[in-house]
Amino acid sequence: MENANFLEEVKAWPTRTRDYVNELKLEMRRVSWPSRKQVESTTVVVIFTVFAFAAFFAVVDAILNGSVTRLYKALTH
Protein backbone atom coordinates (compact mmCIF):
# COMPACT_ATOMS: atom_id res chain seq x y z
CA MET A 1 0.00 0.00 0.00
CA GLU A 2 2.86 2.36 0.79
CA ASN A 3 4.42 1.78 -2.61
CA ALA A 4 1.18 2.76 -4.36
CA ASN A 5 1.00 6.06 -2.46
CA PHE A 6 4.66 6.73 -3.13
CA LEU A 7 4.25 6.05 -6.85
CA GLU A 8 1.22 8.34 -7.04
CA GLU A 9 3.21 11.13 -5.39
CA VAL A 10 6.10 10.60 -7.78
CA LYS A 11 3.75 10.66 -10.76
CA ALA A 12 2.12 13.88 -9.51
CA TRP A 13 5.45 15.64 -8.99
CA PRO A 14 5.84 17.06 -12.54
CA THR A 15 2.30 18.43 -12.48
CA ARG A 16 2.73 19.98 -9.03
CA THR A 17 6.07 21.48 -10.05
CA ARG A 18 4.62 22.96 -13.24
CA ASP A 19 1.66 24.40 -11.29
CA TYR A 20 4.03 25.90 -8.74
CA VAL A 21 6.18 27.56 -11.41
CA ASN A 22 3.12 28.95 -13.20
CA GLU A 23 1.72 30.37 -9.94
CA LEU A 24 5.12 31.84 -9.16
CA LYS A 25 5.28 33.58 -12.54
CA LEU A 26 1.77 34.97 -12.04
CA GLU A 27 2.62 36.25 -8.58
CA MET A 28 5.84 37.87 -9.79
CA ARG A 29 3.84 39.83 -12.38
CA ARG A 30 1.65 41.21 -9.57
CA VAL A 31 4.60 42.54 -7.57
CA SER A 32 4.98 46.30 -7.56
CA TRP A 33 8.70 46.79 -7.94
CA PRO A 34 10.30 49.93 -6.44
CA SER A 35 11.99 52.46 -8.66
CA ARG A 36 15.76 52.84 -8.70
CA LYS A 37 15.44 56.10 -6.75
CA GLN A 38 13.40 54.38 -4.02
CA VAL A 39 15.95 51.57 -3.75
CA GLU A 40 18.84 54.04 -3.52
CA SER A 41 17.15 56.16 -0.86
CA THR A 42 16.17 53.21 1.32
CA THR A 43 19.69 51.79 0.95
CA VAL A 44 21.13 55.06 2.25
CA VAL A 45 18.73 54.97 5.20
CA VAL A 46 19.69 51.37 6.01
CA ILE A 47 23.43 52.10 5.83
CA PHE A 48 23.07 55.20 8.01
CA THR A 49 20.99 53.26 10.55
CA VAL A 50 23.54 50.44 10.71
CA PHE A 51 26.36 52.91 11.41
CA ALA A 52 24.26 54.77 13.99
CA PHE A 53 23.49 51.54 15.85
CA ALA A 54 27.14 50.47 15.61
CA ALA A 55 28.23 53.77 17.17
CA PHE A 56 25.58 53.49 19.89
CA PHE A 57 26.61 49.96 20.81
CA ALA A 58 30.29 50.92 20.74
CA VAL A 59 29.60 53.67 23.29
CA VAL A 60 27.46 51.37 25.46
CA ASP A 61 30.12 48.65 25.25
CA ALA A 62 32.87 51.08 26.27
CA ILE A 63 30.83 52.33 29.23
CA LEU A 64 29.94 48.83 30.41
CA ASN A 65 33.48 47.58 29.89
CA GLY A 66 34.89 50.45 31.94
CA SER A 67 32.33 49.93 34.68
CA VAL A 68 32.93 46.20 34.93
CA THR A 69 36.70 46.71 34.91
CA ARG A 70 36.50 49.26 37.73
CA LEU A 71 34.17 47.00 39.72
CA TYR A 72 36.49 44.02 39.22
CA LYS A 73 39.52 46.05 40.34
CA ALA A 74 37.63 47.37 43.38
CA LEU A 75 36.62 43.87 44.43
CA THR A 76 40.01 42.25 43.87
CA HIS A 77 42.15 44.80 45.74
C-alpha atoms as a PDB file:
ATOM      1  CA  MET A   1       0.000   0.000   0.000  1.00  0.00           C
ATOM      2  CA  GLU A   2       2.859   2.359   0.788  1.00  0.00           C
ATOM      3  CA  ASN A   3       4.422   1.780  -2.611  1.00  0.00           C
ATOM      4  CA  ALA A   4       1.180   2.762  -4.360  1.00  0.00           C
ATOM      5  CA  ASN A   5       1.003   6.061  -2.463  1.00  0.00           C
ATOM      6  CA  PHE A   6       4.656   6.732  -3.130  1.00  0.00           C
ATOM      7  CA  LEU A   7       4.250   6.047  -6.850  1.00  0.00           C
ATOM      8  CA  GLU A   8       1.220   8.345  -7.038  1.00  0.00           C
ATOM      9  CA  GLU A   9       3.210  11.128  -5.386  1.00  0.00           C
ATOM     10  CA  VAL A  10       6.103  10.598  -7.780  1.00  0.00           C
ATOM     11  CA  LYS A  11       3.746  10.664 -10.762  1.00  0.00           C
ATOM     12  CA  ALA A  12       2.124  13.885  -9.511  1.00  0.00           C
ATOM     13  CA  TRP A  13       5.454  15.640  -8.989  1.00  0.00           C
ATOM     14  CA  PRO A  14       5.844  17.060 -12.535  1.00  0.00           C
ATOM     15  CA  THR A  15       2.300  18.434 -12.483  1.00  0.00           C
ATOM     16  CA  ARG A  16       2.728  19.978  -9.028  1.00  0.00           C
ATOM     17  CA  THR A  17       6.073  21.476 -10.054  1.00  0.00           C
ATOM     18  CA  ARG A  18       4.616  22.964 -13.245  1.00  0.00           C
ATOM     19  CA  ASP A  19       1.657  24.404 -11.293  1.00  0.00           C
ATOM     20  CA  TYR A  20       4.029  25.900  -8.738  1.00  0.00           C
ATOM     21  CA  VAL A  21       6.184  27.559 -11.413  1.00  0.00           C
ATOM     22  CA  ASN A  22       3.117  28.949 -13.199  1.00  0.00           C
ATOM     23  CA  GLU A  23       1.716  30.368  -9.938  1.00  0.00           C
ATOM     24  CA  LEU A  24       5.117  31.837  -9.159  1.00  0.00           C
ATOM     25  CA  LYS A  25       5.277  33.578 -12.543  1.00  0.00           C
ATOM     26  CA  LEU A  26       1.768  34.967 -12.042  1.00  0.00           C
ATOM     27  CA  GLU A  27       2.623  36.255  -8.577  1.00  0.00           C
ATOM     28  CA  MET A  28       5.839  37.873  -9.795  1.00  0.00           C
ATOM     29  CA  ARG A  29       3.836  39.826 -12.380  1.00  0.00           C
ATOM     30  CA  ARG A  30       1.655  41.210  -9.567  1.00  0.00           C
ATOM     31  CA  VAL A  31       4.602  42.542  -7.572  1.00  0.00           C
ATOM     32  CA  SER A  32       4.982  46.303  -7.564  1.00  0.00           C
ATOM     33  CA  TRP A  33       8.703  46.788  -7.939  1.00  0.00           C
ATOM     34  CA  PRO A  34      10.298  49.927  -6.437  1.00  0.00           C
ATOM     35  CA  SER A  35      11.989  52.455  -8.662  1.00  0.00           C
ATOM     36  CA  ARG A  36      15.759  52.838  -8.697  1.00  0.00           C
ATOM     37  CA  LYS A  37      15.443  56.101  -6.753  1.00  0.00           C
ATOM     38  CA  GLN A  38      13.401  54.379  -4.022  1.00  0.00           C
ATOM     39  CA  VAL A  39      15.948  51.572  -3.749  1.00  0.00           C
ATOM     40  CA  GLU A  40      18.844  54.039  -3.519  1.00  0.00           C
ATOM     41  CA  SER A  41      17.149  56.163  -0.863  1.00  0.00           C
ATOM     42  CA  THR A  42      16.172  53.210   1.315  1.00  0.00           C
ATOM     43  CA  THR A  43      19.688  51.786   0.946  1.00  0.00           C
ATOM     44  CA  VAL A  44      21.130  55.059   2.246  1.00  0.00           C
ATOM     45  CA  VAL A  45      18.730  54.965   5.202  1.00  0.00           C
ATOM     46  CA  VAL A  46      19.690  51.372   6.012  1.00  0.00           C
ATOM     47  CA  ILE A  47      23.430  52.098   5.825  1.00  0.00           C
ATOM     48  CA  PHE A  48      23.068  55.203   8.007  1.00  0.00           C
ATOM     49  CA  THR A  49      20.990  53.261  10.547  1.00  0.00           C
ATOM     50  CA  VAL A  50      23.538  50.440  10.708  1.00  0.00           C
ATOM     51  CA  PHE A  51      26.356  52.906  11.407  1.00  0.00           C
ATOM     52  CA  ALA A  52      24.259  54.768  13.994  1.00  0.00           C
ATOM     53  CA  PHE A  53      23.495  51.535  15.849  1.00  0.00           C
ATOM     54  CA  ALA A  54      27.140  50.470  15.606  1.00  0.00           C
ATOM     55  CA  ALA A  55      28.226  53.768  17.173  1.00  0.00           C
ATOM     56  CA  PHE A  56      25.577  53.490  19.886  1.00  0.00           C
ATOM     57  CA  PHE A  57      26.606  49.957  20.806  1.00  0.00           C
ATOM     58  CA  ALA A  58      30.292  50.917  20.740  1.00  0.00           C
ATOM     59  CA  VAL A  59      29.599  53.671  23.293  1.00  0.00           C
ATOM     60  CA  VAL A  60      27.457  51.374  25.461  1.00  0.00           C
ATOM     61  CA  ASP A  61      30.116  48.655  25.245  1.00  0.00           C
ATOM     62  CA  ALA A  62      32.868  51.080  26.268  1.00  0.00           C
ATOM     63  CA  ILE A  63      30.828  52.330  29.234  1.00  0.00           C
ATOM     64  CA  LEU A  64      29.940  48.831  30.413  1.00  0.00           C
ATOM     65  CA  ASN A  65      33.484  47.575  29.887  1.00  0.00           C
ATOM     66  CA  GLY A  66      34.895  50.448  31.941  1.00  0.00           C
ATOM     67  CA  SER A  67      32.329  49.933  34.680  1.00  0.00           C
ATOM     68  CA  VAL A  68      32.927  46.198  34.930  1.00  0.00           C
ATOM     69  CA  THR A  69      36.704  46.710  34.906  1.00  0.00           C
ATOM     70  CA  ARG A  70      36.501  49.264  37.730  1.00  0.00           C
ATOM     71  CA  LEU A  71      34.171  46.997  39.716  1.00  0.00           C
ATOM     72  CA  TYR A  72      36.492  44.025  39.216  1.00  0.00           C
ATOM     73  CA  LYS A  73      39.521  46.050  40.338  1.00  0.00           C
ATOM     74  CA  ALA A  74      37.629  47.369  43.377  1.00  0.00           C
ATOM     75  CA  LEU A  75      36.617  43.867  44.432  1.00  0.00           C
ATOM     76  CA  THR A  76      40.015  42.246  43.875  1.00  0.00           C
ATOM     77  CA  HIS A  77      42.150  44.804  45.744  1.00  0.00           C
END
